Amino acid sequence: GGGTRGCRGGGGGGARASAASSADDQRRALEEGVGKLARRRLREHMLSLMLEPAELDECWRLLRAHASPPASPLDERIDYAGFCRVADAMPARLDRHFFGAE
């Protein structure tokens, strides 16, 4: 009885555990690599959306130039036509994120 129980599959259990551990390590390494790649791509994407100082100044200038008449001295608004003129004057790379309907 008891002696054969310890012999059954004796060496295989350790090999299976080692293979499973190795597979887990590979999966973790792959997940880390994918995570790093995703963070890098997101960072690059966000950097591409940043306005250069001159672009930001131009955007503010255009927004102020095309503002709608204020309802009060503290009210600053822009109508759709003015907004479209500002969007048309800005770099094309900003269209979707700053001037799109998302």
N, C-alpha and C. Protein backbone atom coordinates (compact mmCIF):
# COMPACT_ATOMS: atom_id res chain seq x y z
N GLY A 1 0.70 -1.19 0.00
CA GLY A 1 0.00 0.00 0.00
C GLY A 1 0.74 1.26 0.00
N GLY A 2 1.27 1.65 1.19
CA GLY A 2 1.80 3.00 1.34
C GLY A 2 3.04 3.27 0.55
N GLY A 3 3.88 2.21 0.33
CA GLY A 3 5.13 2.43 -0.38
C GLY A 3 4.94 2.76 -1.84
N THR A 4 3.97 2.19 -2.50
CA THR A 4 3.78 2.45 -3.92
C THR A 4 3.16 3.82 -4.18
N ARG A 5 2.43 4.31 -3.20
CA ARG A 5 1.79 5.61 -3.39
C ARG A 5 2.83 6.70 -3.62
N GLY A 6 3.92 6.68 -2.89
CA GLY A 6 4.96 7.69 -3.05
C GLY A 6 5.70 7.56 -4.36
N CYS A 7 5.72 6.39 -4.97
CA CYS A 7 6.44 6.17 -6.20
C CYS A 7 5.63 6.57 -7.42
N ARG A 8 4.35 6.52 -7.33
CA ARG A 8 3.49 6.82 -8.47
C ARG A 8 3.67 8.27 -8.89
N GLY A 9 4.14 8.48 -10.09
CA GLY A 9 4.32 9.82 -10.63
C GLY A 9 5.30 10.65 -9.84
N GLY A 10 6.21 10.05 -9.13
CA GLY A 10 7.11 10.77 -8.25
C GLY A 10 7.91 11.85 -8.92
N GLY A 11 8.63 11.54 -10.00
CA GLY A 11 9.47 12.54 -10.65
C GLY A 11 8.67 13.49 -11.50
N GLY A 12 7.51 13.07 -11.99
CA GLY A 12 6.73 13.91 -12.92
C GLY A 12 6.13 15.13 -12.26
N GLY A 13 5.76 15.03 -11.00
CA GLY A 13 5.13 16.16 -10.33
C GLY A 13 6.05 17.37 -10.28
N GLY A 14 7.31 17.12 -9.95
CA GLY A 14 8.27 18.22 -9.89
C GLY A 14 8.51 18.82 -11.26
N ALA A 15 8.57 17.98 -12.29
CA ALA A 15 8.78 18.48 -13.65
C ALA A 15 7.59 19.31 -14.10
N ARG A 16 6.38 18.83 -13.77
CA ARG A 16 5.17 19.59 -14.16
C ARG A 16 5.12 20.93 -13.44
N ALA A 17 5.47 20.93 -12.15
CA ALA A 17 5.46 22.18 -11.39
C ALA A 17 6.49 23.16 -11.95
N SER A 18 7.63 22.63 -12.34
CA SER A 18 8.69 23.47 -12.91
C SER A 18 8.25 24.05 -14.26
N ALA A 19 7.60 23.22 -15.08
CA ALA A 19 7.12 23.69 -16.38
C ALA A 19 6.03 24.74 -16.19
N ALA A 20 5.14 24.52 -15.22
CA ALA A 20 4.08 25.50 -14.96
C ALA A 20 4.68 26.80 -14.47
N SER A 21 5.68 26.71 -13.60
CA SER A 21 6.33 27.90 -13.09
C SER A 21 7.01 28.66 -14.23
N SER A 22 7.66 27.92 -15.11
CA SER A 22 8.32 28.54 -16.26
C SER A 22 7.31 29.21 -17.17
N ALA A 23 6.16 28.55 -17.39
CA ALA A 23 5.11 29.13 -18.23
C ALA A 23 4.56 30.40 -17.57
N ASP A 24 4.39 30.37 -16.24
CA ASP A 24 3.92 31.56 -15.52
C ASP A 24 4.92 32.70 -15.64
N ASP A 25 6.19 32.37 -15.52
CA ASP A 25 7.24 33.39 -15.65
C ASP A 25 7.23 34.00 -17.05
N GLN A 26 7.06 33.16 -18.07
CA GLN A 26 7.01 33.66 -19.44
C GLN A 26 5.78 34.55 -19.65
N ARG A 27 4.65 34.14 -19.10
CA ARG A 27 3.42 34.92 -19.22
C ARG A 27 3.58 36.28 -18.55
N ARG A 28 4.17 36.27 -17.34
CA ARG A 28 4.39 37.54 -16.63
C ARG A 28 5.34 38.45 -17.40
N ALA A 29 6.40 37.86 -17.96
CA ALA A 29 7.35 38.65 -18.73
C ALA A 29 6.67 39.24 -19.97
N LEU A 30 5.83 38.46 -20.62
CA LEU A 30 5.10 38.94 -21.80
C LEU A 30 4.13 40.06 -21.40
N GLU A 31 3.42 39.87 -20.30
CA GLU A 31 2.49 40.91 -19.83
C GLU A 31 3.24 42.20 -19.50
N GLU A 32 4.39 42.09 -18.86
CA GLU A 32 5.19 43.27 -18.55
C GLU A 32 5.64 43.97 -19.82
N GLY A 33 6.09 43.19 -20.79
CA GLY A 33 6.54 43.77 -22.06
C GLY A 33 5.40 44.47 -22.79
N VAL A 34 4.24 43.85 -22.83
CA VAL A 34 3.08 44.46 -23.48
C VAL A 34 2.67 45.72 -22.73
N GLY A 35 2.70 45.67 -21.41
CA GLY A 35 2.36 46.84 -20.60
C GLY A 35 3.30 48.00 -20.87
N LYS A 36 4.60 47.71 -20.94
CA LYS A 36 5.58 48.76 -21.23
C LYS A 36 5.35 49.36 -22.61
N LEU A 37 5.09 48.50 -23.58
CA LEU A 37 4.83 48.97 -24.95
C LEU A 37 3.58 49.84 -24.99
N ALA A 38 2.53 49.42 -24.31
CA ALA A 38 1.29 50.19 -24.29
C ALA A 38 1.50 51.55 -23.63
N ARG A 39 2.24 51.58 -22.52
CA ARG A 39 2.51 52.86 -21.86
C ARG A 39 3.35 53.78 -22.74
N ARG A 40 4.32 53.20 -23.43
CA ARG A 40 5.16 54.01 -24.32
C ARG A 40 4.33 54.59 -25.46
N ARG A 41 3.47 53.76 -26.07
CA ARG A 41 2.64 54.25 -27.17
C ARG A 41 1.67 55.32 -26.69
N LEU A 42 1.11 55.15 -25.50
CA LEU A 42 0.21 56.17 -24.95
C LEU A 42 0.96 57.47 -24.70
N ARG A 43 2.15 57.36 -24.13
CA ARG A 43 2.97 58.55 -23.87
C ARG A 43 3.30 59.28 -25.17
N GLU A 44 3.69 58.52 -26.21
CA GLU A 44 3.99 59.12 -27.51
C GLU A 44 2.76 59.80 -28.09
N HIS A 45 1.60 59.13 -27.95
CA HIS A 45 0.36 59.71 -28.46
C HIS A 45 0.02 61.00 -27.74
N MET A 46 0.13 60.99 -26.42
CA MET A 46 -0.19 62.19 -25.65
C MET A 46 0.78 63.32 -25.97
N LEU A 47 2.05 63.00 -26.17
CA LEU A 47 3.03 64.03 -26.55
C LEU A 47 2.70 64.63 -27.91
N SER A 48 2.18 63.80 -28.82
CA SER A 48 1.84 64.31 -30.15
C SER A 48 0.67 65.29 -30.10
N LEU A 49 -0.12 65.23 -29.04
CA LEU A 49 -1.27 66.13 -28.90
C LEU A 49 -0.92 67.45 -28.21
N MET A 50 0.26 67.52 -27.64
CA MET A 50 0.64 68.75 -26.94
C MET A 50 0.91 69.86 -27.96
N LEU A 51 0.40 71.02 -27.64
CA LEU A 51 0.63 72.17 -28.49
C LEU A 51 2.01 72.75 -28.22
N GLU A 52 2.66 73.16 -29.27
CA GLU A 52 3.90 73.91 -29.12
C GLU A 52 3.52 75.28 -28.57
N PRO A 53 4.42 75.97 -27.89
CA PRO A 53 4.07 77.29 -27.35
C PRO A 53 3.49 78.25 -28.40
N ALA A 54 4.06 78.26 -29.58
CA ALA A 54 3.56 79.15 -30.64
C ALA A 54 2.16 78.73 -31.08
N GLU A 55 1.89 77.41 -31.12
CA GLU A 55 0.57 76.93 -31.48
C GLU A 55 -0.46 77.33 -30.43
N LEU A 56 -0.09 77.22 -29.18
CA LEU A 56 -0.99 77.59 -28.09
C LEU A 56 -1.31 79.08 -28.15
N ASP A 57 -0.28 79.90 -28.34
CA ASP A 57 -0.50 81.35 -28.46
C ASP A 57 -1.42 81.67 -29.63
N GLU A 58 -1.19 81.01 -30.75
CA GLU A 58 -2.03 81.23 -31.93
C GLU A 58 -3.46 80.79 -31.68
N CYS A 59 -3.65 79.68 -31.01
CA CYS A 59 -4.98 79.19 -30.70
C CYS A 59 -5.72 80.20 -29.82
N TRP A 60 -5.07 80.70 -28.77
CA TRP A 60 -5.70 81.71 -27.90
C TRP A 60 -6.02 82.97 -28.68
N ARG A 61 -5.10 83.41 -29.53
CA ARG A 61 -5.33 84.62 -30.33
C ARG A 61 -6.56 84.44 -31.21
N LEU A 62 -6.65 83.28 -31.88
CA LEU A 62 -7.78 83.01 -32.77
C LEU A 62 -9.09 82.88 -31.99
N LEU A 63 -9.05 82.22 -30.84
CA LEU A 63 -10.26 82.09 -30.04
C LEU A 63 -10.78 83.46 -29.62
N ARG A 64 -9.87 84.34 -29.20
CA ARG A 64 -10.29 85.68 -28.79
C ARG A 64 -10.79 86.50 -29.99
N ALA A 65 -10.12 86.32 -31.12
CA ALA A 65 -10.51 87.09 -32.32
C ALA A 65 -11.89 86.68 -32.82
N HIS A 66 -12.29 85.44 -32.60
CA HIS A 66 -13.57 84.95 -33.13
C HIS A 66 -14.62 84.75 -32.04
N ALA A 67 -14.39 85.34 -30.89
CA ALA A 67 -15.35 85.21 -29.80
C ALA A 67 -16.67 85.89 -30.16
N SER A 68 -17.76 85.35 -29.66
CA SER A 68 -19.08 85.93 -29.86
C SER A 68 -19.20 87.17 -28.97
N PRO A 69 -20.09 88.07 -29.34
CA PRO A 69 -20.29 89.24 -28.46
C PRO A 69 -20.70 88.77 -27.06
N PRO A 70 -20.10 89.33 -26.03
CA PRO A 70 -20.41 88.87 -24.67
C PRO A 70 -21.78 89.33 -24.20
N ALA A 71 -22.40 88.48 -23.41
CA ALA A 71 -23.66 88.83 -22.76
C ALA A 71 -23.38 89.73 -21.57
N SER A 72 -22.19 89.62 -21.03
CA SER A 72 -21.75 90.48 -19.92
C SER A 72 -20.24 90.65 -20.04
N PRO A 73 -19.66 91.63 -19.34
CA PRO A 73 -18.21 91.84 -19.44
C PRO A 73 -17.37 90.62 -19.03
N LEU A 74 -17.92 89.76 -18.18
CA LEU A 74 -17.18 88.58 -17.73
C LEU A 74 -17.44 87.34 -18.59
N ASP A 75 -18.31 87.46 -19.56
CA ASP A 75 -18.73 86.33 -20.38
C ASP A 75 -17.86 86.22 -21.63
N GLU A 76 -17.22 85.08 -21.80
CA GLU A 76 -16.42 84.82 -23.00
C GLU A 76 -16.95 83.57 -23.66
N ARG A 77 -17.49 83.72 -24.87
CA ARG A 77 -18.05 82.60 -25.61
C ARG A 77 -17.62 82.67 -27.05
N ILE A 78 -17.83 81.56 -27.75
CA ILE A 78 -17.56 81.52 -29.18
C ILE A 78 -18.70 80.74 -29.83
N ASP A 79 -19.17 81.24 -30.98
CA ASP A 79 -20.22 80.50 -31.67
C ASP A 79 -19.58 79.44 -32.58
N TYR A 80 -20.42 78.62 -33.17
CA TYR A 80 -19.92 77.50 -33.97
C TYR A 80 -19.11 77.97 -35.17
N ALA A 81 -19.57 79.02 -35.84
CA ALA A 81 -18.84 79.53 -37.01
C ALA A 81 -17.44 80.01 -36.62
N GLY A 82 -17.35 80.71 -35.49
CA GLY A 82 -16.04 81.16 -35.02
C GLY A 82 -15.16 79.99 -34.63
N PHE A 83 -15.76 79.01 -33.97
CA PHE A 83 -15.02 77.81 -33.58
C PHE A 83 -14.46 77.10 -34.82
N CYS A 84 -15.27 77.02 -35.88
CA CYS A 84 -14.82 76.38 -37.12
C CYS A 84 -13.68 77.15 -37.76
N ARG A 85 -13.72 78.49 -37.70
CA ARG A 85 -12.62 79.30 -38.25
C ARG A 85 -11.33 79.04 -37.47
N VAL A 86 -11.44 78.93 -36.16
CA VAL A 86 -10.26 78.62 -35.34
C VAL A 86 -9.73 77.24 -35.71
N ALA A 87 -10.61 76.25 -35.80
CA ALA A 87 -10.19 74.87 -36.13
C ALA A 87 -9.51 74.82 -37.49
N ASP A 88 -10.02 75.56 -38.47
CA ASP A 88 -9.43 75.56 -39.81
C ASP A 88 -8.03 76.17 -39.82
N ALA A 89 -7.78 77.09 -38.91
CA ALA A 89 -6.48 77.77 -38.87
C ALA A 89 -5.41 77.00 -38.10
N MET A 90 -5.83 76.02 -37.30
CA MET A 90 -4.87 75.27 -36.48
C MET A 90 -4.29 74.10 -37.28
N PRO A 91 -3.14 73.55 -36.84
CA PRO A 91 -2.52 72.41 -37.54
C PRO A 91 -3.48 71.22 -37.64
N ALA A 92 -3.42 70.52 -38.76
CA ALA A 92 -4.32 69.40 -39.02
C ALA A 92 -4.22 68.30 -37.96
N ARG A 93 -3.06 68.10 -37.36
CA ARG A 93 -2.89 67.03 -36.37
C ARG A 93 -3.75 67.25 -35.13
N LEU A 94 -4.25 68.47 -34.95
CA LEU A 94 -5.06 68.77 -33.78
C LEU A 94 -6.55 68.63 -34.04
N ASP A 95 -6.94 68.46 -35.30
CA ASP A 95 -8.35 68.43 -35.67
C ASP A 95 -9.17 67.49 -34.81
N ARG A 96 -8.85 66.25 -34.80
CA ARG A 96 -9.67 65.22 -34.18
C ARG A 96 -9.77 65.39 -32.66
N HIS A 97 -8.67 65.76 -32.01
CA HIS A 97 -8.66 65.76 -30.55
C HIS A 97 -9.08 67.09 -29.94
N PHE A 98 -8.78 68.20 -30.61
CA PHE A 98 -9.13 69.48 -30.05
C PHE A 98 -10.39 70.07 -30.67
N PHE A 99 -10.64 69.74 -31.93
CA PHE A 99 -11.72 70.40 -32.64
C PHE A 99 -12.72 69.41 -33.22
N GLY A 100 -12.63 68.13 -32.85
CA GLY A 100 -13.57 67.13 -33.33
C GLY A 100 -14.78 67.04 -32.42
N ALA A 101 -15.74 66.26 -32.86
CA ALA A 101 -16.99 66.12 -32.12
C ALA A 101 -16.96 64.90 -31.21
N GLU A 102 -15.83 64.51 -30.73
CA GLU A 102 -15.74 63.33 -29.86
C GLU A 102 -16.20 63.63 -28.45
